[in-house]
């Protein structure tokens, strides 16, 4: 199975060449699904959502879309941001936080954006207790043996990139997701690709970040991730709009991992507690 993980397209500041390149790759290689981890738009305007939605639908494969910090009205529109942040989502509503069930793979959404926070920089991430509970409930219903990928906009902890997420409650959420049996958290926000194994609750959960298809590049050219899944293992390949060939960014430790029995123990406890 092949999944394409793309993020931070930022319609309104998109790179047309990168958009066309990604569309061509999807048309030619026909991935099983596209996981879009937020910041589809630059300023959350109706036109940007319409163009972004039209582009995602044109790909012709299953798509799930997370909400990024740029996908809610900006600070200079506080009323809409606080009281009607999702009013302009009509063009993409059916894709937002859509769980994906694929043969042997389940993609679970986790919201990490917030309308307001008790800090100056509201662009940074936050995992609410409600968002985490919803994700854990979905994990509890995943068929036994499936690979579980979490889709979020912000990395739950830092992945060693120049950009940062500083996600509040992210570390605790990562531990809870690992204990529940999640294998990886796919994210965006920082505009550079990474695949970092993190030990939690006696097992490894991977933090996987995608680059950007916008003009707002940082350490790498426009990029997306190709995730190859085979026999319970998965590998992340970074693909950039450059002369560089696609290449694995998965560590040897991560590449050898299989599903852990931890999830079965967590599910048994959850059912006893009536979760």
Protein backbone atom coordinates (compact mmCIF):
# COMPACT_ATOMS: atom_id res chain seq x y z
CA UNK A 1 0.00 0.00 0.00
CA UNK A 2 1.14 3.53 -0.75
CA UNK A 3 -0.05 6.68 1.01
CA UNK A 4 0.86 10.24 0.12
CA UNK A 5 1.23 12.56 3.11
CA UNK A 6 1.05 16.23 2.15
CA UNK A 7 0.73 19.36 4.23
CA UNK A 8 0.81 23.15 4.33
CA UNK A 9 -0.24 23.82 0.75
CA UNK A 10 -1.39 27.31 1.76
CA UNK A 11 -3.71 28.22 -1.11
CA UNK A 12 -3.24 31.97 -1.34
CA UNK A 13 0.54 31.47 -1.09
CA UNK A 14 0.75 28.16 -2.92
CA UNK A 15 3.54 27.19 -5.31
CA UNK A 16 1.77 26.41 -8.63
CA UNK A 17 4.68 24.30 -9.86
CA UNK A 18 4.65 22.23 -6.66
CA UNK A 19 0.86 21.81 -6.83
CA UNK A 20 1.08 20.59 -10.43
CA UNK A 21 3.98 18.28 -9.57
CA UNK A 22 2.04 16.63 -6.74
CA UNK A 23 -1.09 16.28 -8.89
CA UNK A 24 0.96 14.62 -11.62
CA UNK A 25 2.50 12.19 -9.11
CA UNK A 26 -0.94 11.22 -7.82
CA UNK A 27 -2.31 10.73 -11.34
CA UNK A 28 0.67 8.65 -12.41
CA UNK A 29 1.29 6.59 -9.26
CA UNK A 30 -2.27 6.30 -7.90
CA UNK A 31 -1.67 6.14 -4.15
CA UNK A 32 -4.32 4.41 -2.04
CA UNK A 33 -5.09 7.67 -0.19
CA UNK A 34 -3.85 11.19 0.48
CA UNK A 35 -3.47 12.39 4.07
CA UNK A 36 -3.48 16.19 4.17
CA UNK A 37 -2.35 17.43 7.59
CA UNK A 38 -3.59 20.99 7.57
CA UNK A 39 -3.00 24.55 6.40
CA UNK A 40 -4.79 24.02 3.14
CA UNK A 41 -5.25 27.80 3.04
CA UNK A 42 -3.25 30.89 3.89
CA UNK A 43 -5.95 33.18 5.32
CA UNK A 44 -8.99 30.88 5.56
CA UNK A 45 -10.95 32.76 2.91
CA UNK A 46 -13.89 31.22 1.07
CA UNK A 47 -11.99 31.46 -2.23
CA UNK A 48 -8.92 29.70 -0.80
CA UNK A 49 -11.05 26.87 0.58
CA UNK A 50 -12.87 26.57 -2.74
CA UNK A 51 -9.63 26.34 -4.72
CA UNK A 52 -8.10 23.96 -2.20
CA UNK A 53 -11.18 21.77 -2.14
CA UNK A 54 -11.37 21.66 -5.92
CA UNK A 55 -7.72 20.60 -6.03
CA UNK A 56 -8.14 17.83 -3.45
CA UNK A 57 -11.24 16.48 -5.21
CA UNK A 58 -9.41 16.52 -8.54
CA UNK A 59 -6.87 14.02 -7.18
CA UNK A 60 -9.43 11.23 -7.53
CA UNK A 61 -8.33 9.24 -4.45
CA UNK A 62 -9.63 9.09 -0.85
CA UNK A 63 -8.56 12.20 1.09
CA UNK A 64 -8.66 13.13 4.76
CA UNK A 65 -7.97 16.72 5.76
CA UNK A 66 -6.89 18.12 9.12
CA UNK A 67 -7.50 21.74 10.12
CA UNK A 68 -4.36 23.88 10.46
CA UNK A 69 -3.84 27.15 12.27
CA UNK A 70 -4.07 29.02 8.94
CA UNK A 71 -7.45 27.39 8.26
CA UNK A 72 -9.30 29.44 10.87
CA UNK A 73 -9.79 33.23 10.62
CA UNK A 74 -6.75 35.26 11.55
CA UNK A 75 -6.23 37.49 14.59
CA UNK A 76 -7.54 40.63 12.88
CA UNK A 77 -10.97 38.98 12.58
CA UNK A 78 -11.48 38.04 16.26
CA UNK A 79 -15.28 37.74 16.14
CA UNK A 80 -15.26 35.22 13.31
CA UNK A 81 -12.26 33.41 14.79
CA UNK A 82 -13.91 32.96 18.19
CA UNK A 83 -17.55 32.47 17.24
CA UNK A 84 -17.69 31.25 13.63
CA UNK A 85 -14.27 29.76 12.81
CA UNK A 86 -15.62 27.03 10.54
CA UNK A 87 -18.14 29.07 8.58
CA UNK A 88 -16.11 29.02 5.35
CA UNK A 89 -15.41 25.27 5.25
CA UNK A 90 -18.28 24.32 2.93
CA UNK A 91 -16.00 23.40 0.02
CA UNK A 92 -14.03 20.87 2.10
CA UNK A 93 -16.49 19.90 4.83
CA UNK A 94 -16.77 16.25 3.76
CA UNK A 95 -12.99 15.75 4.02
CA UNK A 96 -12.30 17.45 7.36
CA UNK A 97 -11.25 15.12 10.17
CA UNK A 98 -12.49 12.16 8.14
CA UNK A 99 -11.30 8.79 9.50
CA UNK A 100 -10.00 6.55 6.73
CA UNK A 101 -10.41 2.77 6.73
CA UNK A 102 -8.07 1.11 4.26
CA UNK A 103 -7.07 -2.56 4.01
CA UNK A 104 -4.87 -3.07 7.06
CA UNK A 105 -4.56 0.66 7.80
CA UNK A 106 -6.71 3.08 9.79
CA UNK A 107 -6.18 6.85 9.81
CA UNK A 108 -7.54 8.59 12.92
CA UNK A 109 -7.90 12.42 13.09
CA UNK A 110 -6.63 14.45 16.06
CA UNK A 111 -7.43 18.16 16.22
CA UNK A 112 -4.50 20.31 17.41
CA UNK A 113 -5.68 23.82 16.50
CA UNK A 114 -7.35 26.24 18.93
CA UNK A 115 -9.40 29.41 18.47
CA UNK A 116 -7.66 31.01 21.46
CA UNK A 117 -5.03 30.07 24.04
CA UNK A 118 -3.56 31.52 27.24
CA UNK A 119 -0.42 32.64 25.41
CA UNK A 120 0.40 35.21 22.77
CA UNK A 121 1.10 32.87 19.87
CA UNK A 122 -2.15 31.13 18.95
CA UNK A 123 -0.56 29.51 15.89
CA UNK A 124 1.06 26.89 18.10
CA UNK A 125 -0.61 23.57 18.83
CA UNK A 126 -2.92 22.43 21.59
CA UNK A 127 -4.52 19.05 22.21
CA UNK A 128 -7.75 19.40 24.18
CA UNK A 129 -9.01 16.61 26.40
CA UNK A 130 -12.05 16.26 24.14
CA UNK A 131 -9.96 15.87 21.00
CA UNK A 132 -7.77 13.25 22.63
CA UNK A 133 -10.77 11.31 23.97
CA UNK A 134 -12.34 11.23 20.50
CA UNK A 135 -9.13 9.90 18.96
CA UNK A 136 -8.72 7.24 21.67
CA UNK A 137 -12.33 6.14 21.19
CA UNK A 138 -11.73 5.71 17.45
CA UNK A 139 -8.55 3.71 18.14
CA UNK A 140 -10.52 1.40 20.43
CA UNK A 141 -12.74 0.48 17.45
CA UNK A 142 -9.92 -0.19 14.99
CA UNK A 143 -9.81 -3.78 13.67
CA UNK A 144 -7.18 -5.87 15.40
CA UNK A 145 -3.88 -5.95 13.56
CA UNK A 146 -4.41 -2.71 11.62
CA UNK A 147 -1.68 -0.13 11.34
CA UNK A 148 -2.92 2.98 13.16
CA UNK A 149 -1.85 6.39 11.85
CA UNK A 150 -2.91 9.60 13.58
CA UNK A 151 -3.46 12.69 11.41
CA UNK A 152 -2.77 16.03 13.13
CA UNK A 153 -1.58 19.45 12.06
CA UNK A 154 1.00 20.19 14.76
CA UNK A 155 3.77 17.80 15.77
CA UNK A 156 2.94 16.68 19.30
CA UNK A 157 6.58 17.11 20.32
CA UNK A 158 9.39 18.79 18.41
CA UNK A 159 10.93 16.83 15.56
CA UNK A 160 14.29 18.58 15.32
CA UNK A 161 13.22 21.05 12.62
CA UNK A 162 13.81 24.80 12.44
CA UNK A 163 10.10 25.50 12.84
CA UNK A 164 8.42 24.64 16.12
CA UNK A 165 4.95 23.60 17.23
CA UNK A 166 5.21 23.91 21.05
CA UNK A 167 2.05 21.85 21.28
CA UNK A 168 0.41 22.12 24.68
CA UNK A 169 -0.56 18.73 26.12
CA UNK A 170 1.23 17.17 23.16
CA UNK A 171 3.66 15.06 25.15
CA UNK A 172 0.88 13.62 27.28
CA UNK A 173 -1.23 12.99 24.17
CA UNK A 174 1.65 11.18 22.48
CA UNK A 175 2.02 8.88 25.49
CA UNK A 176 -1.72 8.14 25.56
CA UNK A 177 -1.81 7.42 21.83
CA UNK A 178 1.20 5.11 22.11
CA UNK A 179 -0.38 3.22 24.99
CA UNK A 180 -3.59 2.86 22.97
CA UNK A 181 -1.65 1.29 20.10
CA UNK A 182 -1.05 4.08 17.58
CA UNK A 183 1.99 3.52 15.41
CA UNK A 184 2.66 7.03 14.14
CA UNK A 185 1.46 10.64 14.27
CA UNK A 186 1.51 12.38 10.88
CA UNK A 187 1.73 16.17 11.00
CA UNK A 188 2.74 19.34 9.18
CA UNK A 189 3.14 22.95 10.37
CA UNK A 190 6.97 23.10 10.38
CA UNK A 191 7.31 22.81 6.56
CA UNK A 192 10.15 20.27 6.62
CA UNK A 193 10.01 16.45 6.44
CA UNK A 194 11.08 14.18 9.31
CA UNK A 195 10.47 10.71 10.73
CA UNK A 196 11.51 10.43 14.37
CA UNK A 197 11.00 7.33 16.55
CA UNK A 198 9.96 8.12 20.13
CA UNK A 199 9.77 5.61 22.96
CA UNK A 200 6.58 5.70 24.99
CA UNK A 201 5.11 3.08 27.31
CA UNK A 202 7.69 0.48 26.32
CA UNK A 203 7.13 0.80 22.59
CA UNK A 204 8.03 3.07 19.69
CA UNK A 205 5.62 5.58 18.19
CA UNK A 206 6.84 7.61 15.24
CA UNK A 207 6.50 11.34 14.66
CA UNK A 208 6.28 11.90 10.88
CA UNK A 209 6.24 15.40 9.42
CA UNK A 210 5.61 16.48 5.83
CA UNK A 211 7.09 19.44 4.00
CA UNK A 212 5.13 22.16 2.20
CA UNK A 213 3.82 22.71 -1.33
CA UNK A 214 3.73 26.47 -0.79
CA UNK A 215 6.22 29.24 -1.44
CA UNK A 216 6.87 29.36 2.32
CA UNK A 217 9.68 26.80 2.32
CA UNK A 218 12.22 26.53 5.11
CA UNK A 219 14.98 23.92 5.19
CA UNK A 220 13.88 21.87 2.18
CA UNK A 221 12.38 22.51 -1.27
CA UNK A 222 8.65 21.87 -1.75
CA UNK A 223 8.05 18.32 -0.55
CA UNK A 224 5.62 15.59 0.41
CA UNK A 225 6.01 12.15 1.98
CA UNK A 226 5.38 8.78 0.40
CA UNK A 227 4.53 6.17 3.04
CA UNK A 228 4.93 2.57 1.95
CA UNK A 229 3.11 -0.06 4.00
CA UNK A 230 3.94 -3.75 3.71
CA UNK A 231 3.51 -6.69 6.10
CA UNK A 232 2.83 -4.54 9.14
CA UNK A 233 5.87 -2.33 8.54
CA UNK A 234 5.97 1.11 7.00
CA UNK A 235 8.64 3.39 5.60
CA UNK A 236 8.64 7.14 4.94
CA UNK A 237 10.24 8.49 1.78
CA UNK A 238 10.74 12.22 1.38
CA UNK A 239 10.05 13.49 -2.12
CA UNK A 240 11.17 16.97 -3.06
CA UNK A 241 10.69 19.19 -6.09
CA UNK A 242 14.39 19.08 -6.91
CA UNK A 243 17.03 16.93 -8.59
CA UNK A 244 17.29 14.84 -5.41
CA UNK A 245 15.84 11.36 -5.75
CA UNK A 246 13.17 10.27 -3.29
CA UNK A 247 14.85 8.81 -0.24
CA UNK A 248 13.96 7.07 3.00
CA UNK A 249 13.96 9.18 6.17
CA UNK A 250 12.96 6.23 8.36
CA UNK A 251 15.53 5.02 10.87
CA UNK A 252 16.62 1.37 10.86
CA UNK A 253 15.00 0.90 14.28
CA UNK A 254 11.63 2.17 13.05
CA UNK A 255 11.79 0.18 9.82
CA UNK A 256 12.05 -3.12 11.68
CA UNK A 257 9.14 -2.50 14.04
CA UNK A 258 5.96 -4.53 13.96
CA UNK A 259 2.68 -4.02 15.79
CA UNK A 260 3.00 -4.16 19.56
CA UNK A 261 0.90 -6.21 22.01
CA UNK A 262 0.48 -3.05 24.08
CA UNK A 263 -2.70 -2.12 22.19
CA UNK A 264 -4.41 -5.36 23.17
CA UNK A 265 -3.69 -4.75 26.84
CA UNK A 266 -4.97 -1.14 26.62
CA UNK A 267 -8.16 -2.23 24.87
CA UNK A 268 -8.86 -4.81 27.57
CA UNK A 269 -8.44 -2.18 30.28
CA UNK A 270 -10.55 0.35 28.35
CA UNK A 271 -13.40 -2.10 27.96
CA UNK A 272 -13.31 -2.95 31.63
CA UNK A 273 -13.54 0.76 32.42
CA UNK A 274 -16.45 1.14 30.00
CA UNK A 275 -14.66 3.63 27.71
